[in-house]
Amino acid sequence: MKQIITRVDDDLADSLKHQASRVGESVNSYVNRLLRAAVAGPGTHRHEWKVAAISNGRLMSRKNLTSSSYDRAKRPVTKIRTPSGYASNAVSYDREER
């Protein structure tokens, strides 16, 4: 891994620290993510929107979620309550079968 040392003004350093803390990252990983997105160049409109939303702190990357805050097994499950055969009856009711 390479190390890059750069100087930034105090306001920018404070803003980086604040934004990184908002999304729960270290300043180093936050800057790495911003640089990676900037170097990757323009992507699709959806990709650009997501990159901007993550960098502005409006959207959180899934890799930053802890298992306690994002656990599919703990999500509420909605059971389907239709009677068996309902779909097949609805589909075949008006169908002409020959």
Protein backbone atom coordinates (compact mmCIF):
# COMPACT_ATOMS: atom_id res chain seq x y z
CA MET A 1 0.00 0.00 0.00
CA LYS A 2 1.30 3.43 -0.96
CA GLN A 3 1.14 6.51 1.19
CA ILE A 4 0.32 9.95 -0.20
CA ILE A 5 0.90 13.00 1.95
CA THR A 6 -0.87 16.23 1.05
CA ARG A 7 -1.62 19.51 2.76
CA VAL A 8 -5.13 20.92 3.01
CA ASP A 9 -6.41 24.04 4.69
CA ASP A 10 -7.97 23.82 8.13
CA ASP A 11 -11.55 24.31 6.91
CA LEU A 12 -11.26 21.45 4.43
CA ALA A 13 -9.69 19.18 7.04
CA ASP A 14 -12.51 19.96 9.47
CA SER A 15 -15.13 19.34 6.78
CA LEU A 16 -13.56 16.01 5.86
CA LYS A 17 -13.46 14.96 9.50
CA HIS A 18 -17.09 15.98 10.02
CA GLN A 19 -18.35 14.20 6.88
CA ALA A 20 -16.37 11.05 7.71
CA SER A 21 -17.83 10.96 11.21
CA ARG A 22 -21.36 11.43 9.80
CA VAL A 23 -21.05 8.24 7.76
CA GLY A 24 -19.11 6.36 10.44
CA GLU A 25 -15.78 6.11 8.64
CA SER A 26 -12.26 7.15 9.41
CA VAL A 27 -11.00 10.20 7.54
CA ASN A 28 -8.53 7.98 5.68
CA SER A 29 -11.17 5.54 4.38
CA TYR A 30 -13.53 8.42 3.55
CA VAL A 31 -10.86 10.21 1.50
CA ASN A 32 -9.89 6.92 -0.20
CA ARG A 33 -13.51 6.39 -1.22
CA LEU A 34 -13.82 9.94 -2.56
CA LEU A 35 -10.58 9.62 -4.51
CA ARG A 36 -11.59 6.23 -5.91
CA ALA A 37 -14.90 7.68 -7.15
CA ALA A 38 -13.15 10.72 -8.64
CA VAL A 39 -10.50 8.67 -10.43
CA ALA A 40 -13.00 6.11 -11.74
CA GLY A 41 -14.43 8.82 -13.94
CA PRO A 42 -17.99 9.35 -15.09
CA GLY A 43 -20.22 6.35 -14.83
CA THR A 44 -23.92 5.92 -15.37
CA HIS A 45 -26.28 8.59 -14.09
CA ARG A 46 -27.38 6.25 -11.28
CA HIS A 47 -23.78 5.57 -10.28
CA GLU A 48 -22.95 9.29 -10.24
CA TRP A 49 -26.03 10.00 -8.11
CA LYS A 50 -25.07 7.29 -5.60
CA VAL A 51 -21.47 8.49 -5.39
CA ALA A 52 -22.65 12.05 -4.77
CA ALA A 53 -25.20 10.91 -2.18
CA ILE A 54 -22.63 8.82 -0.31
CA SER A 55 -20.00 11.55 -0.37
CA ASN A 56 -22.55 14.12 0.88
CA GLY A 57 -23.65 11.83 3.69
CA ARG A 58 -27.22 11.44 2.37
CA LEU A 59 -26.72 7.74 1.66
CA MET A 60 -24.68 5.20 3.60
CA SER A 61 -22.62 2.55 1.89
CA ARG A 62 -23.73 -0.99 2.77
CA LYS A 63 -20.18 -1.98 3.65
CA ASN A 64 -20.29 0.52 6.52
CA LEU A 65 -23.37 -1.01 8.10
CA THR A 66 -22.79 -3.17 11.12
CA SER A 67 -24.46 -6.53 11.47
CA SER A 68 -26.66 -5.19 14.26
CA SER A 69 -28.05 -2.35 12.14
CA TYR A 70 -28.42 -4.37 8.94
CA ASP A 71 -29.36 -7.98 9.44
CA ARG A 72 -31.68 -9.59 6.91
CA ALA A 73 -32.51 -12.38 9.33
CA LYS A 74 -33.96 -9.87 11.82
CA ARG A 75 -36.21 -8.10 9.31
CA PRO A 76 -39.96 -8.55 9.73
CA VAL A 77 -41.41 -11.07 7.30
CA THR A 78 -44.78 -10.62 5.63
CA LYS A 79 -46.48 -13.91 4.89
CA ILE A 80 -48.66 -14.32 1.84
CA ARG A 81 -52.21 -15.08 2.90
CA THR A 82 -53.88 -16.06 -0.38
CA PRO A 83 -55.64 -19.40 -0.59
CA SER A 84 -53.83 -22.17 -2.42
CA GLY A 85 -54.73 -22.35 -6.09
CA TYR A 86 -55.86 -18.71 -6.15
CA ALA A 87 -53.36 -17.60 -8.77
CA SER A 88 -53.91 -20.59 -11.03
CA ASN A 89 -57.70 -20.10 -10.93
CA ALA A 90 -57.38 -16.39 -11.70
CA VAL A 91 -55.05 -17.04 -14.60
CA SER A 92 -56.95 -19.91 -16.17
CA TYR A 93 -60.50 -18.53 -15.68
CA ASP A 94 -60.70 -16.64 -18.99
CA ARG A 95 -58.07 -18.60 -20.85
CA GLU A 96 -59.23 -20.59 -23.83
CA GLU A 97 -57.69 -23.99 -23.70
CA ARG A 98 -57.76 -26.18 -26.77
